Amino acid sequence: MEKLRAWCESCRGQVEPRCLLGTAVGYIRNQWVRLSRFLEYAAMDLTNNETTLTTCHKMGIDPRAYLRDTLRRLLAGEKDLSVLLPESYAARVAAVTAKAEAATTAVAA
């Protein structure tokens, strides 16, 4: 992936942006974070064909809870895409669960 990214950067200024190759390189550069996300999360497939709901299922996330949380955040004005992604939601849920488990353990002790 780093070789692909380096190649795309090397094409910058050498390829007409409106030709087919220039359009493809521009897309890769503009969507790099989304295209490379699968490297950070092994449960994600290298495809853009799956829906958000399928991603939630693969990550063990309740899709309805994820959508409720995402819509609540959007309505509150959230603009950072990374905060709205299923993997960010999963991390927040895991943190809340771990905190609750720690509190329960502390009370029992």
PDB file of N, CA and C in Angstrom:
ATOM      1  N   MET A   1       0.822  -1.183   0.000  1.00  0.00           N
ATOM      2  CA  MET A   1       0.000   0.000   0.000  1.00  0.00           C
ATOM      3  C   MET A   1       0.875   1.259   0.000  1.00  0.00           C
ATOM      4  N   GLU A   2       1.975   1.203   0.733  1.00  0.00           N
ATOM      5  CA  GLU A   2       2.852   2.381   0.739  1.00  0.00           C
ATOM      6  C   GLU A   2       3.471   2.615  -0.636  1.00  0.00           C
ATOM      7  N   LYS A   3       3.778   1.524  -1.357  1.00  0.00           N
ATOM      8  CA  LYS A   3       4.305   1.672  -2.720  1.00  0.00           C
ATOM      9  C   LYS A   3       3.252   2.297  -3.625  1.00  0.00           C
ATOM     10  N   LEU A   4       1.999   1.877  -3.462  1.00  0.00           N
ATOM     11  CA  LEU A   4       0.909   2.449  -4.244  1.00  0.00           C
ATOM     12  C   LEU A   4       0.766   3.934  -3.938  1.00  0.00           C
ATOM     13  N   ARG A   5       0.819   4.268  -2.661  1.00  0.00           N
ATOM     14  CA  ARG A   5       0.691   5.672  -2.273  1.00  0.00           C
ATOM     15  C   ARG A   5       1.845   6.500  -2.837  1.00  0.00           C
ATOM     16  N   ALA A   6       3.055   5.976  -2.747  1.00  0.00           N
ATOM     17  CA  ALA A   6       4.225   6.688  -3.269  1.00  0.00           C
ATOM     18  C   ALA A   6       4.107   6.873  -4.780  1.00  0.00           C
ATOM     19  N   TRP A   7       3.636   5.846  -5.474  1.00  0.00           N
ATOM     20  CA  TRP A   7       3.460   5.937  -6.921  1.00  0.00           C
ATOM     21  C   TRP A   7       2.429   7.009  -7.267  1.00  0.00           C
ATOM     22  N   CYS A   8       1.319   7.036  -6.539  1.00  0.00           N
ATOM     23  CA  CYS A   8       0.282   8.046  -6.781  1.00  0.00           C
ATOM     24  C   CYS A   8       0.841   9.443  -6.569  1.00  0.00           C
ATOM     25  N   GLU A   9       1.631   9.604  -5.520  1.00  0.00           N
ATOM     26  CA  GLU A   9       2.239  10.915  -5.266  1.00  0.00           C
ATOM     27  C   GLU A   9       3.217  11.281  -6.378  1.00  0.00           C
ATOM     28  N   SER A  10       3.945  10.286  -6.899  1.00  0.00           N
ATOM     29  CA  SER A  10       4.901  10.573  -7.973  1.00  0.00           C
ATOM     30  C   SER A  10       4.196  10.956  -9.274  1.00  0.00           C
ATOM     31  N   CYS A  11       2.964  10.500  -9.448  1.00  0.00           N
ATOM     32  CA  CYS A  11       2.177  10.844 -10.639  1.00  0.00           C
ATOM     33  C   CYS A  11       1.669  12.280 -10.591  1.00  0.00           C
ATOM     34  N   ARG A  12       1.586  12.815  -9.400  1.00  0.00           N
ATOM     35  CA  ARG A  12       1.082  14.176  -9.221  1.00  0.00           C
ATOM     36  C   ARG A  12       1.942  15.144 -10.032  1.00  0.00           C
ATOM     37  N   GLY A  13       1.349  15.885 -10.892  1.00  0.00           N
ATOM     38  CA  GLY A  13       2.086  16.829 -11.719  1.00  0.00           C
ATOM     39  C   GLY A  13       2.594  16.238 -13.015  1.00  0.00           C
ATOM     40  N   GLN A  14       2.591  14.905 -13.127  1.00  0.00           N
ATOM     41  CA  GLN A  14       3.057  14.249 -14.351  1.00  0.00           C
ATOM     42  C   GLN A  14       1.905  13.733 -15.201  1.00  0.00           C
ATOM     43  N   VAL A  15       0.731  13.624 -14.599  1.00  0.00           N
ATOM     44  CA  VAL A  15      -0.427  13.069 -15.291  1.00  0.00           C
ATOM     45  C   VAL A  15      -1.520  14.129 -15.327  1.00  0.00           C
ATOM     46  N   GLU A  16      -2.137  14.300 -16.488  1.00  0.00           N
ATOM     47  CA  GLU A  16      -3.249  15.236 -16.627  1.00  0.00           C
ATOM     48  C   GLU A  16      -4.377  14.810 -15.697  1.00  0.00           C
ATOM     49  N   PRO A  17      -4.815  15.666 -14.778  1.00  0.00           N
ATOM     50  CA  PRO A  17      -5.816  15.270 -13.781  1.00  0.00           C
ATOM     51  C   PRO A  17      -7.154  14.811 -14.377  1.00  0.00           C
ATOM     52  N   ARG A  18      -7.476  15.262 -15.577  1.00  0.00           N
ATOM     53  CA  ARG A  18      -8.781  14.909 -16.147  1.00  0.00           C
ATOM     54  C   ARG A  18      -8.757  13.676 -17.044  1.00  0.00           C
ATOM     55  N   CYS A  19      -7.568  13.109 -17.289  1.00  0.00           N
ATOM     56  CA  CYS A  19      -7.528  11.862 -18.068  1.00  0.00           C
ATOM     57  C   CYS A  19      -7.926  10.708 -17.147  1.00  0.00           C
ATOM     58  N   LEU A  20      -8.140   9.526 -17.717  1.00  0.00           N
ATOM     59  CA  LEU A  20      -8.577   8.389 -16.907  1.00  0.00           C
ATOM     60  C   LEU A  20      -7.590   8.060 -15.790  1.00  0.00           C
ATOM     61  N   LEU A  21      -6.305   8.023 -16.115  1.00  0.00           N
ATOM     62  CA  LEU A  21      -5.307   7.718 -15.087  1.00  0.00           C
ATOM     63  C   LEU A  21      -5.265   8.823 -14.034  1.00  0.00           C
ATOM     64  N   GLY A  22      -5.327  10.067 -14.465  1.00  0.00           N
ATOM     65  CA  GLY A  22      -5.316  11.179 -13.532  1.00  0.00           C
ATOM     66  C   GLY A  22      -6.511  11.149 -12.595  1.00  0.00           C
ATOM     67  N   THR A  23      -7.676  10.784 -13.131  1.00  0.00           N
ATOM     68  CA  THR A  23      -8.880  10.666 -12.311  1.00  0.00           C
ATOM     69  C   THR A  23      -8.721   9.559 -11.285  1.00  0.00           C
ATOM     70  N   ALA A  24      -8.173   8.421 -11.711  1.00  0.00           N
ATOM     71  CA  ALA A  24      -7.972   7.291 -10.794  1.00  0.00           C
ATOM     72  C   ALA A  24      -6.961   7.645  -9.707  1.00  0.00           C
ATOM     73  N   VAL A  25      -5.888   8.273 -10.085  1.00  0.00           N
ATOM     74  CA  VAL A  25      -4.866   8.674  -9.106  1.00  0.00           C
ATOM     75  C   VAL A  25      -5.449   9.692  -8.130  1.00  0.00           C
ATOM     76  N   GLY A  26      -6.222  10.627  -8.643  1.00  0.00           N
ATOM     77  CA  GLY A  26      -6.866  11.615  -7.774  1.00  0.00           C
ATOM     78  C   GLY A  26      -7.814  10.963  -6.790  1.00  0.00           C
ATOM     79  N   TYR A  27      -8.556   9.976  -7.259  1.00  0.00           N
ATOM     80  CA  TYR A  27      -9.482   9.262  -6.383  1.00  0.00           C
ATOM     81  C   TYR A  27      -8.709   8.560  -5.261  1.00  0.00           C
ATOM     82  N   ILE A  28      -7.655   7.866  -5.615  1.00  0.00           N
ATOM     83  CA  ILE A  28      -6.847   7.157  -4.616  1.00  0.00           C
ATOM     84  C   ILE A  28      -6.288   8.142  -3.595  1.00  0.00           C
ATOM     85  N   ARG A  29      -5.757   9.257  -4.076  1.00  0.00           N
ATOM     86  CA  ARG A  29      -5.192  10.250  -3.152  1.00  0.00           C
ATOM     87  C   ARG A  29      -6.259  10.841  -2.246  1.00  0.00           C
ATOM     88  N   ASN A  30      -7.411  11.171  -2.807  1.00  0.00           N
ATOM     89  CA  ASN A  30      -8.480  11.796  -2.020  1.00  0.00           C
ATOM     90  C   ASN A  30      -9.155  10.839  -1.048  1.00  0.00           C
ATOM     91  N   GLN A  31      -9.148   9.558  -1.367  1.00  0.00           N
ATOM     92  CA  GLN A  31      -9.831   8.561  -0.543  1.00  0.00           C
ATOM     93  C   GLN A  31      -8.859   7.669   0.221  1.00  0.00           C
ATOM     94  N   TRP A  32      -7.609   8.092   0.336  1.00  0.00           N
ATOM     95  CA  TRP A  32      -6.573   7.230   0.896  1.00  0.00           C
ATOM     96  C   TRP A  32      -6.937   6.661   2.275  1.00  0.00           C
ATOM     97  N   VAL A  33      -7.427   7.491   3.162  1.00  0.00           N
ATOM     98  CA  VAL A  33      -7.750   7.022   4.522  1.00  0.00           C
ATOM     99  C   VAL A  33      -8.792   5.906   4.455  1.00  0.00           C
ATOM    100  N   ARG A  34      -9.836   6.117   3.672  1.00  0.00           N
ATOM    101  CA  ARG A  34     -10.882   5.103   3.556  1.00  0.00           C
ATOM    102  C   ARG A  34     -10.362   3.843   2.858  1.00  0.00           C
ATOM    103  N   LEU A  35      -9.540   4.020   1.820  1.00  0.00           N
ATOM    104  CA  LEU A  35      -9.034   2.873   1.077  1.00  0.00           C
ATOM    105  C   LEU A  35      -8.055   2.034   1.890  1.00  0.00           C
ATOM    106  N   SER A  36      -7.351   2.654   2.804  1.00  0.00           N
ATOM    107  CA  SER A  36      -6.344   1.927   3.585  1.00  0.00           C
ATOM    108  C   SER A  36      -6.851   1.499   4.959  1.00  0.00           C
ATOM    109  N   ARG A  37      -8.089   1.807   5.289  1.00  0.00           N
ATOM    110  CA  ARG A  37      -8.653   1.495   6.612  1.00  0.00           C
ATOM    111  C   ARG A  37      -8.563   0.005   6.918  1.00  0.00           C
ATOM    112  N   PHE A  38      -8.688  -0.842   5.899  1.00  0.00           N
ATOM    113  CA  PHE A  38      -8.661  -2.291   6.129  1.00  0.00           C
ATOM    114  C   PHE A  38      -7.343  -2.753   6.733  1.00  0.00           C
ATOM    115  N   LEU A  39      -6.278  -1.991   6.577  1.00  0.00           N
ATOM    116  CA  LEU A  39      -4.992  -2.381   7.163  1.00  0.00           C
ATOM    117  C   LEU A  39      -5.016  -2.303   8.684  1.00  0.00           C
ATOM    118  N   GLU A  40      -5.861  -1.422   9.231  1.00  0.00           N
ATOM    119  CA  GLU A  40      -5.956  -1.244  10.670  1.00  0.00           C
ATOM    120  C   GLU A  40      -6.963  -2.186  11.314  1.00  0.00           C
ATOM    121  N   TYR A  41      -7.913  -2.662  10.541  1.00  0.00           N
ATOM    122  CA  TYR A  41      -9.009  -3.469  11.074  1.00  0.00           C
ATOM    123  C   TYR A  41      -9.146  -4.747  10.256  1.00  0.00           C
ATOM    124  N   ALA A  42      -8.629  -5.827  10.789  1.00  0.00           N
ATOM    125  CA  ALA A  42      -8.584  -7.095  10.062  1.00  0.00           C
ATOM    126  C   ALA A  42      -9.967  -7.620   9.691  1.00  0.00           C
ATOM    127  N   ALA A  43     -11.004  -7.234  10.416  1.00  0.00           N
ATOM    128  CA  ALA A  43     -12.353  -7.724  10.121  1.00  0.00           C
ATOM    129  C   ALA A  43     -12.941  -7.083   8.869  1.00  0.00           C
ATOM    130  N   MET A  44     -12.328  -6.019   8.379  1.00  0.00           N
ATOM    131  CA  MET A  44     -12.849  -5.350   7.182  1.00  0.00           C
ATOM    132  C   MET A  44     -12.314  -6.024   5.927  1.00  0.00           C
ATOM    133  N   ASP A  45     -13.171  -6.156   4.953  1.00  0.00           N
ATOM    134  CA  ASP A  45     -12.753  -6.669   3.661  1.00  0.00           C
ATOM    135  C   ASP A  45     -12.199  -5.527   2.822  1.00  0.00           C
ATOM    136  N   LEU A  46     -11.333  -5.865   1.890  1.00  0.00           N
ATOM    137  CA  LEU A  46     -10.795  -4.882   0.959  1.00  0.00           C
ATOM    138  C   LEU A  46     -11.800  -4.728  -0.180  1.00  0.00           C
ATOM    139  N   THR A  47     -12.854  -4.014   0.102  1.00  0.00           N
ATOM    140  CA  THR A  47     -13.903  -3.780  -0.885  1.00  0.00           C
ATOM    141  C   THR A  47     -14.721  -2.583  -0.459  1.00  0.00           C
ATOM    142  N   ASN A  48     -15.309  -1.939  -1.430  1.00  0.00           N
ATOM    143  CA  ASN A  48     -16.241  -0.871  -1.091  1.00  0.00           C
ATOM    144  C   ASN A  48     -17.663  -1.291  -1.421  1.00  0.00           C
ATOM    145  N   ASN A  49     -17.862  -2.586  -1.666  1.00  0.00           N
ATOM    146  CA  ASN A  49     -19.180  -3.083  -2.038  1.00  0.00           C
ATOM    147  C   ASN A  49     -20.067  -3.392  -0.839  1.00  0.00           C
ATOM    148  N   GLU A  50     -19.491  -3.581   0.327  1.00  0.00           N
ATOM    149  CA  GLU A  50     -20.303  -3.935   1.487  1.00  0.00           C
ATOM    150  C   GLU A  50     -20.905  -2.701   2.117  1.00  0.00           C
ATOM    151  N   THR A  51     -22.068  -2.846   2.646  1.00  0.00           N
ATOM    152  CA  THR A  51     -22.740  -1.708   3.279  1.00  0.00           C
ATOM    153  C   THR A  51     -22.233  -1.516   4.688  1.00  0.00           C
ATOM    154  N   THR A  52     -22.586  -0.426   5.249  1.00  0.00           N
ATOM    155  CA  THR A  52     -22.232  -0.135   6.636  1.00  0.00           C
ATOM    156  C   THR A  52     -22.815  -1.189   7.564  1.00  0.00           C
ATOM    157  N   LEU A  53     -24.025  -1.632   7.263  1.00  0.00           N
ATOM    158  CA  LEU A  53     -24.662  -2.644   8.112  1.00  0.00           C
ATOM    159  C   LEU A  53     -23.882  -3.954   8.097  1.00  0.00           C
ATOM    160  N   THR A  54     -23.396  -4.346   6.938  1.00  0.00           N
ATOM    161  CA  THR A  54     -22.611  -5.569   6.846  1.00  0.00           C
ATOM    162  C   THR A  54     -21.310  -5.415   7.622  1.00  0.00           C
ATOM    163  N   THR A  55     -20.703  -4.241   7.542  1.00  0.00           N
ATOM    164  CA  THR A  55     -19.484  -3.978   8.305  1.00  0.00           C
ATOM    165  C   THR A  55     -19.772  -4.112   9.800  1.00  0.00           C
ATOM    166  N   CYS A  56     -20.902  -3.564  10.247  1.00  0.00           N
ATOM    167  CA  CYS A  56     -21.283  -3.684  11.661  1.00  0.00           C
ATOM    168  C   CYS A  56     -21.407  -5.149  12.057  1.00  0.00           C
ATOM    169  N   HIS A  57     -22.095  -5.926  11.237  1.00  0.00           N
ATOM    170  CA  HIS A  57     -22.259  -7.352  11.544  1.00  0.00           C
ATOM    171  C   HIS A  57     -20.904  -8.046  11.647  1.00  0.00           C
ATOM    172  N   LYS A  58     -20.006  -7.754  10.714  1.00  0.00           N
ATOM    173  CA  LYS A  58     -18.686  -8.394  10.727  1.00  0.00           C
ATOM    174  C   LYS A  58     -17.868  -7.999  11.949  1.00  0.00           C
ATOM    175  N   MET A  59     -18.116  -6.789  12.458  1.00  0.00           N
ATOM    176  CA  MET A  59     -17.360  -6.323  13.615  1.00  0.00           C
ATOM    177  C   MET A  59     -18.066  -6.651  14.927  1.00  0.00           C
ATOM    178  N   GLY A  60     -19.219  -7.311  14.844  1.00  0.00           N
ATOM    179  CA  GLY A  60     -19.951  -7.680  16.047  1.00  0.00           C
ATOM    180  C   GLY A  60     -20.674  -6.507  16.696  1.00  0.00           C
ATOM    181  N   ILE A  61     -21.018  -5.516  15.900  1.00  0.00           N
ATOM    182  CA  ILE A  61     -21.686  -4.309  16.386  1.00  0.00           C
ATOM    183  C   ILE A  61     -23.177  -4.421  16.080  1.00  0.00           C
ATOM    184  N   ASP A  62     -24.008  -4.002  17.018  1.00  0.00           N
ATOM    185  CA  ASP A  62     -25.444  -3.921  16.777  1.00  0.00           C
ATOM    186  C   ASP A  62     -25.681  -2.771  15.796  1.00  0.00           C
ATOM    187  N   PRO A  63     -26.107  -3.064  14.561  1.00  0.00           N
ATOM    188  CA  PRO A  63     -26.264  -2.011  13.549  1.00  0.00           C
ATOM    189  C   PRO A  63     -27.241  -0.912  13.967  1.00  0.00           C
ATOM    190  N   ARG A  64     -28.320  -1.281  14.637  1.00  0.00           N
ATOM    191  CA  ARG A  64     -29.288  -0.261  15.049  1.00  0.00           C
ATOM    192  C   ARG A  64     -28.701   0.678  16.087  1.00  0.00           C
ATOM    193  N   ALA A  65     -27.966   0.126  17.025  1.00  0.00           N
ATOM    194  CA  ALA A  65     -27.325   0.970  18.041  1.00  0.00           C
ATOM    195  C   ALA A  65     -26.288   1.884  17.381  1.00  0.00           C
ATOM    196  N   TYR A  66     -25.534   1.339  16.434  1.00  0.00           N
ATOM    197  CA  TYR A  66     -24.542   2.138  15.712  1.00  0.00           C
ATOM    198  C   TYR A  66     -25.227   3.278  14.949  1.00  0.00           C
ATOM    199  N   LEU A  67     -26.295   2.963  14.229  1.00  0.00           N
ATOM    200  CA  LEU A  67     -26.997   3.992  13.456  1.00  0.00           C
ATOM    201  C   LEU A  67     -27.607   5.053  14.371  1.00  0.00           C
ATOM    202  N   ARG A  68     -28.179   4.637  15.505  1.00  0.00           N
ATOM    203  CA  ARG A  68     -28.725   5.613  16.458  1.00  0.00           C
ATOM    204  C   ARG A  68     -27.624   6.550  16.952  1.00  0.00           C
ATOM    205  N   ASP A  69     -26.487   5.980  17.331  1.00  0.00           N
ATOM    206  CA  ASP A  69     -25.363   6.778  17.824  1.00  0.00           C
ATOM    207  C   ASP A  69     -24.858   7.728  16.735  1.00  0.00           C
ATOM    208  N   THR A  70     -24.726   7.212  15.516  1.00  0.00           N
ATOM    209  CA  THR A  70     -24.214   8.019  14.407  1.00  0.00           C
ATOM    210  C   THR A  70     -25.167   9.164  14.081  1.00  0.00           C
ATOM    211  N   LEU A  71     -26.463   8.880  14.018  1.00  0.00           N
ATOM    212  CA  LEU A  71     -27.433   9.937  13.735  1.00  0.00           C
ATOM    213  C   LEU A  71     -27.445  10.987  14.848  1.00  0.00           C
ATOM    214  N   ARG A  72     -27.354  10.535  16.102  1.00  0.00           N
ATOM    215  CA  ARG A  72     -27.294  11.473  17.223  1.00  0.00           C
ATOM    216  C   ARG A  72     -26.083  12.390  17.087  1.00  0.00           C
ATOM    217  N   ARG A  73     -24.949  11.831  16.723  1.00  0.00           N
ATOM    218  CA  ARG A  73     -23.723  12.625  16.571  1.00  0.00           C
ATOM    219  C   ARG A  73     -23.828  13.601  15.386  1.00  0.00           C
ATOM    220  N   LEU A  74     -24.416  13.122  14.284  1.00  0.00           N
ATOM    221  CA  LEU A  74     -24.594  13.999  13.122  1.00  0.00           C
ATOM    222  C   LEU A  74     -25.510  15.175  13.456  1.00  0.00           C
ATOM    223  N   LEU A  75     -26.604  14.880  14.144  1.00  0.00           N
ATOM    224  CA  LEU A  75     -27.539  15.938  14.531  1.00  0.00           C
ATOM    225  C   LEU A  75     -26.917  16.923  15.517  1.00  0.00           C
ATOM    226  N   ALA A  76     -25.944  16.440  16.285  1.00  0.00           N
ATOM    227  CA  ALA A  76     -25.243  17.310  17.232  1.00  0.00           C
ATOM    228  C   ALA A  76     -24.150  18.130  16.538  1.00  0.00           C
ATOM    229  N   GLY A  77     -23.946  17.871  15.230  1.00  0.00           N
ATOM    230  CA  GLY A  77     -22.994  18.675  14.463  1.00  0.00           C
ATOM    231  C   GLY A  77     -21.646  18.039  14.204  1.00  0.00           C
ATOM    232  N   GLU A  78     -21.497  16.752  14.487  1.00  0.00           N
ATOM    233  CA  GLU A  78     -20.208  16.069  14.261  1.00  0.00           C
ATOM    234  C   GLU A  78     -19.836  16.158  12.785  1.00  0.00           C
ATOM    235  N   LYS A  79     -18.611  16.565  12.516  1.00  0.00           N
ATOM    236  CA  LYS A  79     -18.137  16.695  11.133  1.00  0.00           C
ATOM    237  C   LYS A  79     -16.965  15.762  10.831  1.00  0.00           C
ATOM    238  N   ASP A  80     -16.375  15.175  11.858  1.00  0.00           N
ATOM    239  CA  ASP A  80     -15.203  14.313  11.702  1.00  0.00           C
ATOM    240  C   ASP A  80     -15.646  12.904  11.327  1.00  0.00           C
ATOM    241  N   LEU A  81     -15.392  12.506  10.079  1.00  0.00           N
ATOM    242  CA  LEU A  81     -15.805  11.193   9.596  1.00  0.00           C
ATOM    243  C   LEU A  81     -15.244  10.066  10.454  1.00  0.00           C
ATOM    244  N   SER A  82     -14.014  10.203  10.915  1.00  0.00           N
ATOM    245  CA  SER A  82     -13.400   9.106  11.673  1.00  0.00           C
ATOM    246  C   SER A  82     -14.176   8.795  12.949  1.00  0.00           C
ATOM    247  N   VAL A  83     -14.827   9.790  13.521  1.00  0.00           N
ATOM    248  CA  VAL A  83     -15.622   9.582  14.729  1.00  0.00           C
ATOM    249  C   VAL A  83     -16.896   8.790  14.417  1.00  0.00           C
ATOM    250  N   LEU A  84     -17.370   8.908  13.178  1.00  0.00           N
ATOM    251  CA  LEU A  84     -18.637   8.291  12.785  1.00  0.00           C
ATOM    252  C   LEU A  84     -18.489   6.874  12.230  1.00  0.00           C
ATOM    253  N   LEU A  85     -17.286   6.418  12.015  1.00  0.00           N
ATOM    254  CA  LEU A  85     -17.070   5.092  11.440  1.00  0.00           C
ATOM    255  C   LEU A  85     -17.407   3.983  12.429  1.00  0.00           C
ATOM    256  N   PRO A  86     -17.839   2.823  11.924  1.00  0.00           N
ATOM    257  CA  PRO A  86     -18.180   1.704  12.817  1.00  0.00           C
ATOM    258  C   PRO A  86     -17.049   1.320  13.772  1.00  0.00           C
ATOM    259  N   GLU A  87     -15.811   1.370  13.320  1.00  0.00           N
ATOM    260  CA  GLU A  87     -14.701   0.981  14.189  1.00  0.00           C
ATOM    261  C   GLU A  87     -14.530   1.954  15.358  1.00  0.00           C
ATOM    262  N   SER A  88     -14.825   3.232  15.136  1.00  0.00           N
ATOM    263  CA  SER A  88     -14.772   4.204  16.237  1.00  0.00           C
ATOM    264  C   SER A  88     -15.886   3.930  17.231  1.00  0.00           C
ATOM    265  N   TYR A  89     -17.060   3.616  16.718  1.00  0.00           N
ATOM    266  CA  TYR A  89     -18.185   3.269  17.588  1.00  0.00           C
ATOM    267  C   TYR A  89     -17.829   2.035  18.423  1.00  0.00           C
ATOM    268  N   ALA A  90     -17.249   1.023  17.770  1.00  0.00           N
ATOM    269  CA  ALA A  90     -16.875  -0.208  18.475  1.00  0.00           C
ATOM    270  C   ALA A  90     -15.875   0.095  19.596  1.00  0.00           C
ATOM    271  N   ALA A  91     -14.935   0.985  19.345  1.00  0.00           N
ATOM    272  CA  ALA A  91     -13.956   1.349  20.371  1.00  0.00           C
ATOM    273  C   ALA A  91     -14.636   2.054  21.542  1.00  0.00           C
ATOM    274  N   ARG A  92     -15.594   2.927  21.254  1.00  0.00           N
ATOM    275  CA  ARG A  92     -16.317   3.614  22.334  1.00  0.00           C
ATOM    276  C   ARG A  92     -17.119   2.620  23.170  1.00  0.00           C
ATOM    277  N   VAL A  93     -17.803   1.686  22.511  1.00  0.00           N
ATOM    278  CA  VAL A  93     -18.590   0.677  23.222  1.00  0.00           C
ATOM    279  C   VAL A  93     -17.675  -0.182  24.087  1.00  0.00           C
ATOM    280  N   ALA A  94     -16.530  -0.579  23.538  1.00  0.00           N
ATOM    281  CA  ALA A  94     -15.577  -1.402  24.300  1.00  0.00           C
ATOM    282  C   ALA A  94     -15.069  -0.648  25.527  1.00  0.00           C
ATOM    283  N   ALA A  95     -14.808   0.641  25.390  1.00  0.00           N
ATOM    284  CA  ALA A  95     -14.322   1.439  26.517  1.00  0.00           C
ATOM    285  C   ALA A  95     -15.380   1.556  27.613  1.00  0.00           C
ATOM    286  N   VAL A  96     -16.624   1.778  27.209  1.00  0.00           N
ATOM    287  CA  VAL A  96     -17.722   1.880  28.186  1.00  0.00           C
ATOM    288  C   VAL A  96     -17.911   0.545  28.893  1.00  0.00           C
ATOM    289  N   THR A  97     -17.859  -0.546  28.140  1.00  0.00           N
ATOM    290  CA  THR A  97     -18.019  -1.880  28.716  1.00  0.00           C
ATOM    291  C   THR A  97     -16.901  -2.177  29.706  1.00  0.00           C
ATOM    292  N   ALA A  98     -15.675  -1.854  29.333  1.00  0.00           N
ATOM    293  CA  ALA A  98     -14.528  -2.100  30.221  1.00  0.00           C
ATOM    294  C   ALA A  98     -14.644  -1.271  31.497  1.00  0.00           C
ATOM    295  N   LYS A  99     -15.092  -0.032  31.383  1.00  0.00           N
ATOM    296  CA  LYS A  99     -15.258   0.822  32.551  1.00  0.00           C
ATOM    297  C   LYS A  99     -16.344   0.260  33.481  1.00  0.00           C
ATOM    298  N   ALA A 100     -17.446  -0.203  32.902  1.00  0.00           N
ATOM    299  CA  ALA A 100     -18.531  -0.780  33.698  1.00  0.00           C
ATOM    300  C   ALA A 100     -18.075  -2.059  34.394  1.00  0.00           C
ATOM    301  N   GLU A 101     -17.314  -2.893  33.682  1.00  0.00           N
ATOM    302  CA  GLU A 101     -16.815  -4.125  34.278  1.00  0.00           C
ATOM    303  C   GLU A 101     -15.848  -3.824  35.418  1.00  0.00           C
ATOM    304  N   ALA A 102     -14.996  -2.808  35.244  1.00  0.00           N
ATOM    305  CA  ALA A 102     -14.051  -2.422  36.292  1.00  0.00           C
ATOM    306  C   ALA A 102     -14.803  -1.925  37.528  1.00  0.00           C
ATOM    307  N   ALA A 103     -15.860  -1.150  37.291  1.00  0.00           N
ATOM    308  CA  ALA A 103     -16.649  -0.641  38.419  1.00  0.00           C
ATOM    309  C   ALA A 103     -17.349  -1.775  39.160  1.00  0.00           C
ATOM    310  N   THR A 104     -17.867  -2.746  38.416  1.00  0.00           N
ATOM    311  CA  THR A 104     -18.532  -3.890  39.026  1.00  0.00           C
ATOM    312  C   THR A 104     -17.549  -4.723  39.841  1.00  0.00           C
ATOM    313  N   THR A 105     -16.346  -4.894  39.326  1.00  0.00           N
ATOM    314  CA  THR A 105     -15.301  -5.639  40.025  1.00  0.00           C
ATOM    315  C   THR A 105     -14.886  -4.911  41.301  1.00  0.00           C
ATOM    316  N   ALA A 106     -14.783  -3.590  41.226  1.00  0.00           N
ATOM    317  CA  ALA A 106     -14.392  -2.802  42.397  1.00  0.00           C
ATOM    318  C   ALA A 106     -15.450  -2.866  43.496  1.00  0.00           C
ATOM    319  N   VAL A 107     -16.713  -2.856  43.110  1.00  0.00           N
ATOM    320  CA  VAL A 107     -17.804  -2.940  44.077  1.00  0.00           C
ATOM    321  C   VAL A 107     -17.829  -4.308  44.735  1.00  0.00           C
ATOM    322  N   ALA A 108     -17.586  -5.360  43.949  1.00  0.00           N
ATOM    323  CA  ALA A 108     -17.630  -6.737  44.472  1.00  0.00           C
ATOM    324  C   ALA A 108     -16.463  -7.015  45.423  1.00  0.00           C
ATOM    325  N   ALA A 109     -15.354  -6.282  45.236  1.00  0.00           N
ATOM    326  CA  ALA A 109     -14.173  -6.525  46.072  1.00  0.00           C
ATOM    327  C   ALA A 109     -14.270  -5.816  47.363  1.00  0.00           C
TER     328      ALA A 109
END
